[in-house]
């Protein structure tokens, strides 16, 4: 079955089934990347350590949402 034929069949589905089809396709694209997760975990730890050791400038919450 070609891509065009698959799309034609999908367009005939009811809205609920179309939604499920789209949701399934999007989930299949959103696979975790362990390398990126590790980089972000290291960065979060570095930022937290800098905060704890007062090696970073902070902005009060109230000032951010004025």
C-alpha atoms as a PDB file:
ATOM      1  CA  UNK A   1       0.000   0.000   0.000  1.00  0.00           C
ATOM      2  CA  UNK A   2       1.437   3.401  -0.965  1.00  0.00           C
ATOM      3  CA  UNK A   3       1.611   6.455   1.274  1.00  0.00           C
ATOM      4  CA  UNK A   4      -1.124   8.097  -0.780  1.00  0.00           C
ATOM      5  CA  UNK A   5      -3.388   5.071  -0.354  1.00  0.00           C
ATOM      6  CA  UNK A   6      -2.769   4.968   3.392  1.00  0.00           C
ATOM      7  CA  UNK A   7      -3.540   8.675   3.700  1.00  0.00           C
ATOM      8  CA  UNK A   8      -6.705   8.267   1.641  1.00  0.00           C
ATOM      9  CA  UNK A   9      -7.881   5.508   4.008  1.00  0.00           C
ATOM     10  CA  UNK A  10      -7.017   7.541   7.098  1.00  0.00           C
ATOM     11  CA  UNK A  11      -9.023  10.501   5.839  1.00  0.00           C
ATOM     12  CA  UNK A  12     -12.089   8.253   5.689  1.00  0.00           C
ATOM     13  CA  UNK A  13     -11.869   7.483   9.409  1.00  0.00           C
ATOM     14  CA  UNK A  14     -14.123   9.107  11.991  1.00  0.00           C
ATOM     15  CA  UNK A  15     -12.581  11.930  14.054  1.00  0.00           C
ATOM     16  CA  UNK A  16     -11.877   9.719  17.086  1.00  0.00           C
ATOM     17  CA  UNK A  17      -9.985   7.151  15.008  1.00  0.00           C
ATOM     18  CA  UNK A  18      -8.095   9.922  13.178  1.00  0.00           C
ATOM     19  CA  UNK A  19      -7.041  11.325  16.532  1.00  0.00           C
ATOM     20  CA  UNK A  20      -5.838   7.902  17.684  1.00  0.00           C
ATOM     21  CA  UNK A  21      -3.907   7.487  14.437  1.00  0.00           C
ATOM     22  CA  UNK A  22      -2.215  10.881  14.828  1.00  0.00           C
ATOM     23  CA  UNK A  23      -1.484  10.273  18.507  1.00  0.00           C
ATOM     24  CA  UNK A  24       0.126   6.931  17.726  1.00  0.00           C
ATOM     25  CA  UNK A  25       2.263   8.433  14.964  1.00  0.00           C
ATOM     26  CA  UNK A  26       3.432  11.308  17.169  1.00  0.00           C
ATOM     27  CA  UNK A  27       4.334   8.960  20.012  1.00  0.00           C
ATOM     28  CA  UNK A  28       6.397   6.882  17.611  1.00  0.00           C
ATOM     29  CA  UNK A  29       8.456   9.990  16.761  1.00  0.00           C
ATOM     30  CA  UNK A  30       9.015  11.047  20.368  1.00  0.00           C
ATOM     31  CA  UNK A  31      11.580   8.493  21.479  1.00  0.00           C
ATOM     32  CA  UNK A  32      13.809   9.463  24.408  1.00  0.00           C
ATOM     33  CA  UNK A  33      17.459  10.103  23.640  1.00  0.00           C
ATOM     34  CA  UNK A  34      19.519   8.832  26.568  1.00  0.00           C
ATOM     35  CA  UNK A  35      22.492  11.011  25.609  1.00  0.00           C
ATOM     36  CA  UNK A  36      20.412  14.190  25.683  1.00  0.00           C
ATOM     37  CA  UNK A  37      18.750  13.124  28.945  1.00  0.00           C
ATOM     38  CA  UNK A  38      22.185  12.585  30.497  1.00  0.00           C
ATOM     39  CA  UNK A  39      23.445  15.980  29.284  1.00  0.00           C
ATOM     40  CA  UNK A  40      20.389  17.719  30.783  1.00  0.00           C
ATOM     41  CA  UNK A  41      20.726  15.813  34.066  1.00  0.00           C
ATOM     42  CA  UNK A  42      24.387  16.892  34.305  1.00  0.00           C
ATOM     43  CA  UNK A  43      23.434  20.488  33.505  1.00  0.00           C
ATOM     44  CA  UNK A  44      20.661  20.505  36.124  1.00  0.00           C
ATOM     45  CA  UNK A  45      23.056  19.157  38.743  1.00  0.00           C
ATOM     46  CA  UNK A  46      25.694  21.743  37.801  1.00  0.00           C
ATOM     47  CA  UNK A  47      23.143  24.560  38.072  1.00  0.00           C
ATOM     48  CA  UNK A  48      21.874  23.285  41.429  1.00  0.00           C
ATOM     49  CA  UNK A  49      25.415  23.027  42.808  1.00  0.00           C
ATOM     50  CA  UNK A  50      26.150  26.580  41.644  1.00  0.00           C
ATOM     51  CA  UNK A  51      22.938  27.773  43.315  1.00  0.00           C
ATOM     52  CA  UNK A  52      23.732  25.963  46.579  1.00  0.00           C
ATOM     53  CA  UNK A  53      27.255  27.404  46.628  1.00  0.00           C
ATOM     54  CA  UNK A  54      25.955  30.879  45.761  1.00  0.00           C
ATOM     55  CA  UNK A  55      27.979  30.919  42.546  1.00  0.00           C
ATOM     56  CA  UNK A  56      25.118  32.181  40.450  1.00  0.00           C
ATOM     57  CA  UNK A  57      23.004  35.293  40.308  1.00  0.00           C
ATOM     58  CA  UNK A  58      19.328  34.670  40.995  1.00  0.00           C
ATOM     59  CA  UNK A  59      16.225  36.698  40.207  1.00  0.00           C
ATOM     60  CA  UNK A  60      13.340  36.766  42.690  1.00  0.00           C
ATOM     61  CA  UNK A  61      10.190  35.017  41.441  1.00  0.00           C
ATOM     62  CA  UNK A  62       8.148  38.198  41.955  1.00  0.00           C
ATOM     63  CA  UNK A  63      10.470  40.150  39.643  1.00  0.00           C
ATOM     64  CA  UNK A  64      10.109  37.632  36.852  1.00  0.00           C
ATOM     65  CA  UNK A  65       6.315  37.839  36.727  1.00  0.00           C
ATOM     66  CA  UNK A  66       5.766  41.587  37.207  1.00  0.00           C
END
